[in-house]
PDB file of all heavy atoms in Angstrom:
ATOM      1  N   GLU A   1      26.361   9.709  37.447  1.00  0.00           N
ATOM      2  CA  GLU A   1      27.649  10.405  37.228  1.00  0.00           C
ATOM      3  C   GLU A   1      28.217  10.158  35.844  1.00  0.00           C
ATOM      4  O   GLU A   1      28.948  10.954  35.281  1.00  0.00           O
ATOM      5  CB  GLU A   1      28.705   9.910  38.253  1.00  0.00           C
ATOM      6  CG  GLU A   1      28.456  10.419  39.661  1.00  0.00           C
ATOM      7  CD  GLU A   1      29.516   9.962  40.614  1.00  0.00           C
ATOM      8  OE1 GLU A   1      30.577   9.424  40.205  1.00  0.00           O
ATOM      9  OE2 GLU A   1      29.351  10.136  41.824  1.00  0.00           O
ATOM     10  N   LEU A   2      27.968   8.948  35.284  1.00  0.00           N
ATOM     11  CA  LEU A   2      28.679   8.529  34.072  1.00  0.00           C
ATOM     12  C   LEU A   2      27.706   8.076  32.940  1.00  0.00           C
ATOM     13  O   LEU A   2      28.212   7.620  31.889  1.00  0.00           O
ATOM     14  CB  LEU A   2      29.677   7.396  34.391  1.00  0.00           C
ATOM     15  CG  LEU A   2      30.760   7.758  35.351  1.00  0.00           C
ATOM     16  CD1 LEU A   2      31.486   6.489  35.887  1.00  0.00           C
ATOM     17  CD2 LEU A   2      31.735   8.715  34.750  1.00  0.00           C
ATOM     18  N   GLU A   3      26.413   8.158  33.208  1.00  0.00           N
ATOM     19  CA  GLU A   3      25.419   7.764  32.195  1.00  0.00           C
ATOM     20  C   GLU A   3      25.686   6.358  31.635  1.00  0.00           C
ATOM     21  O   GLU A   3      25.648   6.091  30.439  1.00  0.00           O
ATOM     22  CB  GLU A   3      25.410   8.780  31.037  1.00  0.00           C
ATOM     23  CG  GLU A   3      24.906  10.127  31.436  1.00  0.00           C
ATOM     24  CD  GLU A   3      24.837  11.124  30.292  1.00  0.00           C
ATOM     25  OE1 GLU A   3      24.887  10.691  29.124  1.00  0.00           O
ATOM     26  OE2 GLU A   3      24.688  12.322  30.563  1.00  0.00           O
ATOM     27  N   THR A   4      26.067   5.445  32.567  1.00  0.00           N
ATOM     28  CA  THR A   4      26.455   4.061  32.228  1.00  0.00           C
ATOM     29  C   THR A   4      25.775   3.075  33.148  1.00  0.00           C
ATOM     30  O   THR A   4      25.734   3.322  34.380  1.00  0.00           O
ATOM     31  CB  THR A   4      27.996   3.953  32.254  1.00  0.00           C
ATOM     32  OG1 THR A   4      28.593   4.845  31.330  1.00  0.00           O
ATOM     33  CG2 THR A   4      28.396   2.535  31.946  1.00  0.00           C
ATOM     34  N   ARG A   5      25.251   1.997  32.581  1.00  0.00           N
ATOM     35  CA  ARG A   5      24.659   0.951  33.406  1.00  0.00           C
ATOM     36  C   ARG A   5      25.735  -0.116  33.623  1.00  0.00           C
ATOM     37  O   ARG A   5      26.387  -0.537  32.686  1.00  0.00           O
ATOM     38  CB  ARG A   5      23.461   0.351  32.610  1.00  0.00           C
ATOM     39  CG  ARG A   5      22.523  -0.493  33.509  1.00  0.00           C
ATOM     40  CD  ARG A   5      21.196  -0.762  32.793  1.00  0.00           C
ATOM     41  NE  ARG A   5      21.313  -1.516  31.614  1.00  0.00           N
ATOM     42  CZ  ARG A   5      21.321  -2.839  31.520  1.00  0.00           C
ATOM     43  NH1 ARG A   5      21.178  -3.573  32.605  1.00  0.00           N
ATOM     44  NH2 ARG A   5      21.434  -3.445  30.368  1.00  0.00           N
ATOM     45  N   ILE A   6      25.855  -0.471  34.874  1.00  0.00           N
ATOM     46  CA  ILE A   6      26.889  -1.462  35.264  1.00  0.00           C
ATOM     47  C   ILE A   6      26.242  -2.632  35.958  1.00  0.00           C
ATOM     48  O   ILE A   6      25.164  -2.575  36.500  1.00  0.00           O
ATOM     49  CB  ILE A   6      27.923  -0.864  36.222  1.00  0.00           C
ATOM     50  CG1 ILE A   6      27.284  -0.279  37.520  1.00  0.00           C
ATOM     51  CG2 ILE A   6      28.748   0.211  35.487  1.00  0.00           C
ATOM     52  CD1 ILE A   6      28.229   0.061  38.611  1.00  0.00           C
ATOM     53  N   SER A   7      26.979  -3.752  35.979  1.00  0.00           N
ATOM     54  CA  SER A   7      26.668  -4.873  36.854  1.00  0.00           C
ATOM     55  C   SER A   7      27.607  -4.707  38.053  1.00  0.00           C
ATOM     56  O   SER A   7      28.808  -4.475  37.906  1.00  0.00           O
ATOM     57  CB  SER A   7      26.845  -6.198  36.139  1.00  0.00           C
ATOM     58  OG  SER A   7      28.169  -6.445  35.828  1.00  0.00           O
ATOM     59  N   VAL A   8      27.082  -4.825  39.224  1.00  0.00           N
ATOM     60  CA  VAL A   8      27.830  -4.734  40.470  1.00  0.00           C
ATOM     61  C   VAL A   8      28.098  -6.116  40.957  1.00  0.00           C
ATOM     62  O   VAL A   8      27.210  -6.892  41.240  1.00  0.00           O
ATOM     63  CB  VAL A   8      27.109  -3.891  41.542  1.00  0.00           C
ATOM     64  CG1 VAL A   8      27.987  -3.770  42.773  1.00  0.00           C
ATOM     65  CG2 VAL A   8      26.745  -2.548  40.957  1.00  0.00           C
ATOM     66  N   GLY A   9      29.407  -6.455  41.069  1.00  0.00           N
ATOM     67  CA  GLY A   9      29.794  -7.797  41.458  1.00  0.00           C
ATOM     68  C   GLY A   9      30.189  -7.884  42.910  1.00  0.00           C
ATOM     69  O   GLY A   9      29.563  -7.259  43.796  1.00  0.00           O
ATOM     70  N   ASP A  10      31.207  -8.623  43.196  1.00  0.00           N
ATOM     71  CA  ASP A  10      31.636  -8.927  44.580  1.00  0.00           C
ATOM     72  C   ASP A  10      32.247  -7.710  45.246  1.00  0.00           C
ATOM     73  O   ASP A  10      32.936  -6.900  44.664  1.00  0.00           O
ATOM     74  CB  ASP A  10      32.648 -10.079  44.586  1.00  0.00           C
ATOM     75  CG  ASP A  10      32.066 -11.395  44.135  1.00  0.00           C
ATOM     76  OD1 ASP A  10      30.833 -11.593  44.240  1.00  0.00           O
ATOM     77  OD2 ASP A  10      32.878 -12.271  43.652  1.00  0.00           O
ATOM     78  N   LEU A  11      31.998  -7.674  46.552  1.00  0.00           N
ATOM     79  CA  LEU A  11      32.660  -6.715  47.403  1.00  0.00           C
ATOM     80  C   LEU A  11      34.157  -7.057  47.492  1.00  0.00           C
ATOM     81  O   LEU A  11      34.512  -8.202  47.779  1.00  0.00           O
ATOM     82  CB  LEU A  11      32.039  -6.734  48.833  1.00  0.00           C
ATOM     83  CG  LEU A  11      32.651  -5.810  49.873  1.00  0.00           C
ATOM     84  CD1 LEU A  11      32.354  -4.331  49.546  1.00  0.00           C
ATOM     85  CD2 LEU A  11      32.167  -6.152  51.281  1.00  0.00           C
ATOM     86  N   ILE A  12      35.029  -6.044  47.242  1.00  0.00           N
ATOM     87  CA  ILE A  12      36.448  -6.268  47.341  1.00  0.00           C
ATOM     88  C   ILE A  12      36.860  -6.036  48.793  1.00  0.00           C
ATOM     89  O   ILE A  12      37.552  -6.845  49.367  1.00  0.00           O
ATOM     90  CB  ILE A  12      37.248  -5.321  46.413  1.00  0.00           C
ATOM     91  CG1 ILE A  12      36.827  -5.524  44.962  1.00  0.00           C
ATOM     92  CG2 ILE A  12      38.711  -5.520  46.588  1.00  0.00           C
ATOM     93  CD1 ILE A  12      37.318  -4.422  44.049  1.00  0.00           C
ATOM     94  N   GLU A  13      36.426  -4.911  49.295  1.00  0.00           N
ATOM     95  CA  GLU A  13      36.815  -4.533  50.687  1.00  0.00           C
ATOM     96  C   GLU A  13      35.991  -3.302  51.066  1.00  0.00           C
ATOM     97  O   GLU A  13      35.567  -2.523  50.260  1.00  0.00           O
ATOM     98  CB  GLU A  13      38.311  -4.168  50.704  1.00  0.00           C
ATOM     99  CG  GLU A  13      38.845  -3.746  52.044  1.00  0.00           C
ATOM    100  CD  GLU A  13      40.380  -3.506  51.992  1.00  0.00           C
ATOM    101  OE1 GLU A  13      41.097  -4.459  51.672  1.00  0.00           O
ATOM    102  OE2 GLU A  13      40.774  -2.408  52.312  1.00  0.00           O
ATOM    103  N   THR A  14      35.843  -3.132  52.355  1.00  0.00           N
ATOM    104  CA  THR A  14      35.268  -1.896  52.953  1.00  0.00           C
ATOM    105  C   THR A  14      36.404  -1.122  53.500  1.00  0.00           C
ATOM    106  O   THR A  14      37.088  -1.606  54.461  1.00  0.00           O
ATOM    107  CB  THR A  14      34.207  -2.157  53.968  1.00  0.00           C
ATOM    108  OG1 THR A  14      33.142  -2.883  53.372  1.00  0.00           O
ATOM    109  CG2 THR A  14      33.660  -0.848  54.538  1.00  0.00           C
ATOM    110  N   VAL A  15      36.706   0.013  52.869  1.00  0.00           N
ATOM    111  CA  VAL A  15      37.808   0.891  53.346  1.00  0.00           C
ATOM    112  C   VAL A  15      37.280   1.776  54.422  1.00  0.00           C
ATOM    113  O   VAL A  15      36.249   2.458  54.295  1.00  0.00           O
ATOM    114  CB  VAL A  15      38.391   1.770  52.149  1.00  0.00           C
ATOM    115  CG1 VAL A  15      39.347   2.763  52.658  1.00  0.00           C
ATOM    116  CG2 VAL A  15      38.930   0.864  51.053  1.00  0.00           C
ATOM    117  N   GLU A  16      37.978   1.826  55.565  1.00  0.00           N
ATOM    118  CA  GLU A  16      37.671   2.765  56.671  1.00  0.00           C
ATOM    119  C   GLU A  16      38.826   3.764  56.712  1.00  0.00           C
ATOM    120  O   GLU A  16      39.997   3.371  56.862  1.00  0.00           O
ATOM    121  CB  GLU A  16      37.569   1.979  58.013  1.00  0.00           C
ATOM    122  CG  GLU A  16      36.501   0.895  57.995  1.00  0.00           C
ATOM    123  CD  GLU A  16      35.116   1.384  58.027  1.00  0.00           C
ATOM    124  OE1 GLU A  16      34.881   2.601  58.346  1.00  0.00           O
ATOM    125  OE2 GLU A  16      34.192   0.609  57.713  1.00  0.00           O
ATOM    126  N   TYR A  17      38.486   5.017  56.571  1.00  0.00           N
ATOM    127  CA  TYR A  17      39.552   6.056  56.505  1.00  0.00           C
ATOM    128  C   TYR A  17      39.112   7.318  57.261  1.00  0.00           C
ATOM    129  O   TYR A  17      38.005   7.774  57.007  1.00  0.00           O
ATOM    130  CB  TYR A  17      39.918   6.425  55.052  1.00  0.00           C
ATOM    131  CG  TYR A  17      41.151   7.222  54.946  1.00  0.00           C
ATOM    132  CD1 TYR A  17      42.388   6.678  54.943  1.00  0.00           C
ATOM    133  CD2 TYR A  17      41.080   8.628  54.898  1.00  0.00           C
ATOM    134  CE1 TYR A  17      43.544   7.432  54.902  1.00  0.00           C
ATOM    135  CE2 TYR A  17      42.177   9.426  54.854  1.00  0.00           C
ATOM    136  CZ  TYR A  17      43.419   8.836  54.876  1.00  0.00           C
ATOM    137  OH  TYR A  17      44.534   9.559  54.814  1.00  0.00           O
ATOM    138  N   ASP A  18      40.030   7.825  58.070  1.00  0.00           N
ATOM    139  CA  ASP A  18      39.742   9.044  58.836  1.00  0.00           C
ATOM    140  C   ASP A  18      40.355  10.272  58.055  1.00  0.00           C
ATOM    141  O   ASP A  18      41.580  10.446  58.038  1.00  0.00           O
ATOM    142  CB  ASP A  18      40.339   8.993  60.237  1.00  0.00           C
ATOM    143  CG  ASP A  18      39.551   8.115  61.130  1.00  0.00           C
ATOM    144  OD1 ASP A  18      38.293   8.012  60.966  1.00  0.00           O
ATOM    145  OD2 ASP A  18      40.125   7.454  62.019  1.00  0.00           O
ATOM    146  N   TYR A  19      39.481  11.063  57.509  1.00  0.00           N
ATOM    147  CA  TYR A  19      39.864  12.387  56.960  1.00  0.00           C
ATOM    148  C   TYR A  19      39.839  13.356  58.156  1.00  0.00           C
ATOM    149  O   TYR A  19      39.265  13.039  59.190  1.00  0.00           O
ATOM    150  CB  TYR A  19      38.932  12.824  55.883  1.00  0.00           C
ATOM    151  CG  TYR A  19      39.199  12.100  54.529  1.00  0.00           C
ATOM    152  CD1 TYR A  19      38.413  11.031  54.130  1.00  0.00           C
ATOM    153  CD2 TYR A  19      40.185  12.600  53.686  1.00  0.00           C
ATOM    154  CE1 TYR A  19      38.696  10.373  52.906  1.00  0.00           C
ATOM    155  CE2 TYR A  19      40.457  11.940  52.436  1.00  0.00           C
ATOM    156  CZ  TYR A  19      39.662  10.898  52.067  1.00  0.00           C
ATOM    157  OH  TYR A  19      39.935  10.257  50.861  1.00  0.00           O
ATOM    158  N   PRO A  20      40.395  14.517  58.012  1.00  0.00           N
ATOM    159  CA  PRO A  20      40.409  15.481  59.150  1.00  0.00           C
ATOM    160  C   PRO A  20      39.012  15.795  59.709  1.00  0.00           C
ATOM    161  O   PRO A  20      38.857  15.920  60.934  1.00  0.00           O
ATOM    162  CB  PRO A  20      41.084  16.708  58.599  1.00  0.00           C
ATOM    163  CG  PRO A  20      41.944  16.226  57.453  1.00  0.00           C
ATOM    164  CD  PRO A  20      41.223  15.052  56.864  1.00  0.00           C
ATOM    165  N   ASN A  21      38.003  15.880  58.859  1.00  0.00           N
ATOM    166  CA  ASN A  21      36.679  16.345  59.317  1.00  0.00           C
ATOM    167  C   ASN A  21      35.620  15.249  59.374  1.00  0.00           C
ATOM    168  O   ASN A  21      34.503  15.532  59.754  1.00  0.00           O
ATOM    169  CB  ASN A  21      36.172  17.494  58.469  1.00  0.00           C
ATOM    170  CG  ASN A  21      37.136  18.704  58.515  1.00  0.00           C
ATOM    171  OD1 ASN A  21      37.653  18.979  59.585  1.00  0.00           O
ATOM    172  ND2 ASN A  21      37.341  19.354  57.441  1.00  0.00           N
ATOM    173  N   PHE A  22      35.918  14.081  58.896  1.00  0.00           N
ATOM    174  CA  PHE A  22      34.939  12.990  58.894  1.00  0.00           C
ATOM    175  C   PHE A  22      35.615  11.607  58.769  1.00  0.00           C
ATOM    176  O   PHE A  22      36.739  11.541  58.319  1.00  0.00           O
ATOM    177  CB  PHE A  22      33.922  13.190  57.767  1.00  0.00           C
ATOM    178  CG  PHE A  22      34.494  13.195  56.363  1.00  0.00           C
ATOM    179  CD1 PHE A  22      34.553  12.003  55.633  1.00  0.00           C
ATOM    180  CD2 PHE A  22      35.019  14.329  55.792  1.00  0.00           C
ATOM    181  CE1 PHE A  22      35.065  11.967  54.362  1.00  0.00           C
ATOM    182  CE2 PHE A  22      35.557  14.304  54.538  1.00  0.00           C
ATOM    183  CZ  PHE A  22      35.581  13.139  53.815  1.00  0.00           C
ATOM    184  N   HIS A  23      34.859  10.595  59.067  1.00  0.00           N
ATOM    185  CA  HIS A  23      35.339   9.235  58.886  1.00  0.00           C
ATOM    186  C   HIS A  23      34.556   8.696  57.672  1.00  0.00           C
ATOM    187  O   HIS A  23      33.357   8.806  57.581  1.00  0.00           O
ATOM    188  CB  HIS A  23      34.976   8.320  60.115  1.00  0.00           C
ATOM    189  CG  HIS A  23      35.318   6.906  59.838  1.00  0.00           C
ATOM    190  ND1 HIS A  23      36.581   6.437  60.026  1.00  0.00           N
ATOM    191  CD2 HIS A  23      34.549   5.895  59.491  1.00  0.00           C
ATOM    192  CE1 HIS A  23      36.571   5.110  59.703  1.00  0.00           C
ATOM    193  NE2 HIS A  23      35.330   4.736  59.381  1.00  0.00           N
ATOM    194  N   LEU A  24      35.313   8.111  56.704  1.00  0.00           N
ATOM    195  CA  LEU A  24      34.735   7.571  55.514  1.00  0.00           C
ATOM    196  C   LEU A  24      34.681   6.030  55.598  1.00  0.00           C
ATOM    197  O   LEU A  24      35.726   5.418  55.899  1.00  0.00           O
ATOM    198  CB  LEU A  24      35.561   7.955  54.274  1.00  0.00           C
ATOM    199  CG  LEU A  24      34.985   7.506  52.936  1.00  0.00           C
ATOM    200  CD1 LEU A  24      33.772   8.391  52.577  1.00  0.00           C
ATOM    201  CD2 LEU A  24      36.019   7.655  51.857  1.00  0.00           C
ATOM    202  N   SER A  25      33.559   5.477  55.322  1.00  0.00           N
ATOM    203  CA  SER A  25      33.395   4.023  55.196  1.00  0.00           C
ATOM    204  C   SER A  25      32.971   3.785  53.775  1.00  0.00           C
ATOM    205  O   SER A  25      31.920   4.184  53.356  1.00  0.00           O
ATOM    206  CB  SER A  25      32.335   3.521  56.182  1.00  0.00           C
ATOM    207  OG  SER A  25      32.199   2.140  56.022  1.00  0.00           O
ATOM    208  N   MET A  26      33.853   3.140  52.977  1.00  0.00           N
ATOM    209  CA  MET A  26      33.672   2.969  51.528  1.00  0.00           C
ATOM    210  C   MET A  26      33.620   1.507  51.131  1.00  0.00           C
ATOM    211  O   MET A  26      34.674   0.850  51.203  1.00  0.00           O
ATOM    212  CB  MET A  26      34.734   3.741  50.784  1.00  0.00           C
ATOM    213  CG  MET A  26      34.652   3.709  49.256  1.00  0.00           C
ATOM    214  SD  MET A  26      35.797   4.849  48.474  1.00  0.00           S
ATOM    215  CE  MET A  26      37.393   4.144  48.903  1.00  0.00           C
ATOM    216  N   ASP A  27      32.477   1.051  50.713  1.00  0.00           N
ATOM    217  CA  ASP A  27      32.368  -0.322  50.170  1.00  0.00           C
ATOM    218  C   ASP A  27      32.802  -0.314  48.691  1.00  0.00           C
ATOM    219  O   ASP A  27      32.227   0.411  47.849  1.00  0.00           O
ATOM    220  CB  ASP A  27      30.927  -0.848  50.223  1.00  0.00           C
ATOM    221  CG  ASP A  27      30.437  -1.042  51.620  1.00  0.00           C
ATOM    222  OD1 ASP A  27      31.249  -1.100  52.561  1.00  0.00           O
ATOM    223  OD2 ASP A  27      29.209  -1.060  51.828  1.00  0.00           O
ATOM    224  N   CYS A  28      33.870  -1.107  48.337  1.00  0.00           N
ATOM    225  CA  CYS A  28      34.378  -1.116  47.024  1.00  0.00           C
ATOM    226  C   CYS A  28      34.038  -2.416  46.340  1.00  0.00           C
ATOM    227  O   CYS A  28      34.312  -3.540  46.857  1.00  0.00           O
ATOM    228  CB  CYS A  28      35.911  -0.968  47.056  1.00  0.00           C
ATOM    229  SG  CYS A  28      36.483   0.484  47.832  1.00  0.00           S
TER     230      CYS A  28
END
């Protein structure tokens, strides 16, 4: 998406959110 190499560190939180048509589970 961004043509950038990153280092991925610690998990902040897993967000659980219900949109009208689907449930989103997002690891941040």
